[in-house]
Amino acid sequence: MIDSMTYELIVRVIADGAVIPVVLIGAYVLVYKIPKGQRFEAYGRILMAGLTAYLVAKLIASIYQPSSERPFELLGQQAGALFLQNAGFPSDHTLFTTAITCAVWFETRNKVVSLILAGLVVLICVGRVLALVHTPMDVTFGVVFGLVGALWYLDGRHSKSRSTASLQI
């Protein structure tokens, strides 16, 4: 068995620290693996996808909040990870990392990197719940709202040119 301090450190690293490689890997791929002639359009889609996901999430959160307190508050414990002073629905960490993962997949079609990022998103979801800063519903809807932004990538005009190009790390 691991002691409680070690467990808390592992949960914090998963819940907060796993965001860092998602951001760094995503930034690297999106800066260096999109061909120069396609970057302006790609970055426009990425911006619109991210803004759409965030705005939809905030709109829904302003209408519906399942609880006014986070799990750690309900249990009278300390939070096991960083959090904003709000009710927590949906999880911003999972929304943000899902949006990055979608951007990498739709703009590069790199399966390996996209699967690694998706795995990290799952770890972040689990970590946020184990840290008691979110409920499973909070992280699920963070992912769902992150995927809503992916609608910007479904324009068939640019997918044909990218699917023929070999974009590898």
Protein backbone atom coordinates (compact mmCIF):
# COMPACT_ATOMS: atom_id res chain seq x y z
CA MET A 1 0.00 0.00 0.00
CA ILE A 2 1.05 3.55 -0.60
CA ASP A 3 0.82 6.12 2.16
CA SER A 4 -1.64 8.99 1.95
CA MET A 5 1.01 11.60 1.10
CA THR A 6 2.23 9.57 -1.87
CA TYR A 7 -1.36 8.99 -3.01
CA GLU A 8 -2.14 12.73 -2.78
CA LEU A 9 1.00 13.56 -4.78
CA ILE A 10 0.13 11.03 -7.49
CA VAL A 11 -3.43 12.35 -7.72
CA ARG A 12 -2.21 15.96 -7.93
CA VAL A 13 0.29 15.09 -10.67
CA ILE A 14 -2.40 13.30 -12.67
CA ALA A 15 -5.11 15.95 -12.05
CA ASP A 16 -2.96 19.02 -12.68
CA GLY A 17 0.42 17.96 -14.02
CA ALA A 18 -0.89 15.90 -16.94
CA VAL A 19 -2.23 19.11 -18.46
CA ILE A 20 1.34 20.29 -19.11
CA PRO A 21 2.33 17.54 -21.58
CA VAL A 22 -1.02 17.94 -23.38
CA VAL A 23 -0.31 21.65 -23.87
CA LEU A 24 3.36 21.18 -24.82
CA ILE A 25 2.79 18.25 -27.21
CA GLY A 26 -0.26 19.93 -28.71
CA ALA A 27 1.58 23.22 -29.21
CA TYR A 28 4.58 21.49 -30.80
CA VAL A 29 2.45 19.50 -33.23
CA LEU A 30 0.22 22.44 -34.13
CA VAL A 31 3.15 24.80 -34.68
CA TYR A 32 5.61 22.49 -36.44
CA LYS A 33 3.53 19.81 -38.15
CA ILE A 34 0.93 21.88 -39.99
CA PRO A 35 2.33 22.92 -43.39
CA LYS A 36 3.07 26.66 -43.59
CA GLY A 37 0.53 27.28 -46.33
CA GLN A 38 -2.27 25.77 -44.24
CA ARG A 39 -1.51 27.35 -40.86
CA PHE A 40 -3.69 30.47 -41.12
CA GLU A 41 -6.84 28.48 -41.88
CA ALA A 42 -5.94 25.79 -39.34
CA TYR A 43 -5.32 28.30 -36.55
CA GLY A 44 -8.59 30.04 -37.41
CA ARG A 45 -10.47 26.75 -37.03
CA ILE A 46 -8.64 25.97 -33.79
CA LEU A 47 -9.49 29.39 -32.36
CA MET A 48 -13.15 29.14 -33.34
CA ALA A 49 -13.40 25.56 -32.04
CA GLY A 50 -11.92 26.54 -28.68
CA LEU A 51 -14.06 29.64 -28.32
CA THR A 52 -17.20 27.74 -29.31
CA ALA A 53 -16.51 24.98 -26.80
CA TYR A 54 -15.79 27.46 -24.02
CA LEU A 55 -18.80 29.68 -24.74
CA VAL A 56 -21.22 26.74 -25.00
CA ALA A 57 -19.87 25.36 -21.71
CA LYS A 58 -20.22 28.68 -19.91
CA LEU A 59 -23.70 29.26 -21.32
CA ILE A 60 -24.90 25.84 -20.18
CA ALA A 61 -23.17 26.30 -16.80
CA SER A 62 -24.97 29.61 -16.29
CA ILE A 63 -28.30 27.84 -16.84
CA TYR A 64 -27.57 24.53 -15.12
CA GLN A 65 -25.32 23.78 -12.13
CA PRO A 66 -25.87 20.35 -10.59
CA SER A 67 -24.38 21.46 -7.27
CA SER A 68 -23.20 24.72 -5.75
CA GLU A 69 -20.39 22.90 -3.92
CA ARG A 70 -17.58 20.72 -5.11
CA PRO A 71 -17.12 17.16 -3.80
CA PHE A 72 -14.31 18.11 -1.39
CA GLU A 73 -16.52 20.84 0.09
CA LEU A 74 -19.42 18.46 0.51
CA LEU A 75 -17.14 15.99 2.28
CA GLY A 76 -15.44 18.66 4.43
CA GLN A 77 -11.99 17.84 3.04
CA GLN A 78 -9.16 19.70 1.31
CA ALA A 79 -9.08 19.81 -2.47
CA GLY A 80 -6.56 17.41 -3.94
CA ALA A 81 -5.82 19.60 -6.96
CA LEU A 82 -6.02 23.16 -8.21
CA PHE A 83 -9.46 24.59 -8.86
CA LEU A 84 -11.24 27.84 -9.64
CA GLN A 85 -13.68 29.32 -7.15
CA ASN A 86 -16.83 28.22 -8.94
CA ALA A 87 -19.25 25.32 -8.74
CA GLY A 88 -17.09 23.21 -11.06
CA PHE A 89 -19.49 22.27 -13.84
CA PRO A 90 -18.10 21.53 -16.37
CA SER A 91 -14.43 20.82 -15.76
CA ASP A 92 -12.32 23.46 -17.49
CA HIS A 93 -9.26 21.18 -17.38
CA THR A 94 -11.00 18.47 -19.36
CA LEU A 95 -12.65 20.92 -21.75
CA PHE A 96 -9.30 22.59 -22.50
CA THR A 97 -7.33 19.37 -22.97
CA THR A 98 -10.10 17.81 -25.07
CA ALA A 99 -10.10 20.88 -27.34
CA ILE A 100 -6.32 20.58 -27.79
CA THR A 101 -6.61 16.86 -28.54
CA CYS A 102 -9.32 17.53 -31.14
CA ALA A 103 -7.20 20.25 -32.73
CA VAL A 104 -4.25 17.90 -33.06
CA TRP A 105 -6.36 15.09 -34.50
CA PHE A 106 -8.38 17.13 -36.97
CA GLU A 107 -5.51 19.33 -38.14
CA THR A 108 -2.81 16.65 -38.45
CA ARG A 109 -4.60 13.25 -38.43
CA ASN A 110 -1.64 11.97 -36.41
CA LYS A 111 -3.07 8.84 -34.74
CA VAL A 112 -0.19 8.18 -32.36
CA VAL A 113 -0.03 11.68 -30.90
CA SER A 114 -3.81 11.98 -30.79
CA LEU A 115 -4.13 8.69 -28.90
CA ILE A 116 -1.43 9.75 -26.44
CA LEU A 117 -3.26 13.03 -25.85
CA ALA A 118 -6.61 11.25 -25.50
CA GLY A 119 -5.05 8.92 -22.93
CA LEU A 120 -3.78 11.93 -20.99
CA VAL A 121 -7.26 13.48 -21.12
CA VAL A 122 -8.69 10.30 -19.58
CA LEU A 123 -6.00 10.43 -16.86
CA ILE A 124 -6.84 14.07 -16.17
CA CYS A 125 -10.54 13.17 -15.87
CA VAL A 126 -9.78 10.40 -13.39
CA GLY A 127 -7.37 12.62 -11.48
CA ARG A 128 -9.87 15.48 -11.18
CA VAL A 129 -12.47 13.10 -9.74
CA LEU A 130 -9.98 11.41 -7.38
CA ALA A 131 -8.83 14.87 -6.21
CA LEU A 132 -12.46 15.57 -5.29
CA VAL A 133 -12.56 18.81 -7.28
CA HIS A 134 -15.05 17.40 -9.81
CA THR A 135 -17.74 14.80 -10.10
CA PRO A 136 -17.76 12.27 -12.95
CA MET A 137 -20.53 14.37 -14.53
CA ASP A 138 -18.33 17.52 -14.43
CA VAL A 139 -15.48 15.85 -16.31
CA THR A 140 -17.79 14.03 -18.73
CA PHE A 141 -19.42 17.28 -19.75
CA GLY A 142 -16.02 18.97 -19.95
CA VAL A 143 -15.14 16.41 -22.62
CA VAL A 144 -18.55 16.73 -24.31
CA PHE A 145 -18.28 20.52 -24.54
CA GLY A 146 -14.69 20.20 -25.80
CA LEU A 147 -16.03 17.95 -28.55
CA VAL A 148 -18.76 20.48 -29.44
CA GLY A 149 -16.02 22.79 -30.66
CA ALA A 150 -14.84 20.04 -33.02
CA LEU A 151 -17.81 20.85 -35.25
CA TRP A 152 -15.58 23.54 -36.78
CA TYR A 153 -13.35 20.79 -38.20
CA LEU A 154 -16.11 19.00 -40.08
CA ASP A 155 -15.87 21.13 -43.21
CA GLY A 156 -15.00 18.65 -45.98
CA ARG A 157 -13.14 21.22 -48.10
CA HIS A 158 -9.96 21.07 -46.04
CA SER A 159 -10.05 17.42 -44.91
CA LYS A 160 -9.30 16.07 -48.43
CA SER A 161 -6.10 18.08 -48.81
CA ARG A 162 -4.87 17.02 -45.34
CA SER A 163 -5.78 13.37 -45.74
CA THR A 164 -3.51 13.08 -48.77
CA ALA A 165 -0.65 14.84 -47.03
CA SER A 166 1.50 12.76 -44.74
CA LEU A 167 1.87 14.66 -41.48
CA GLN A 168 4.11 12.76 -39.10
CA ILE A 169 6.02 13.68 -35.96
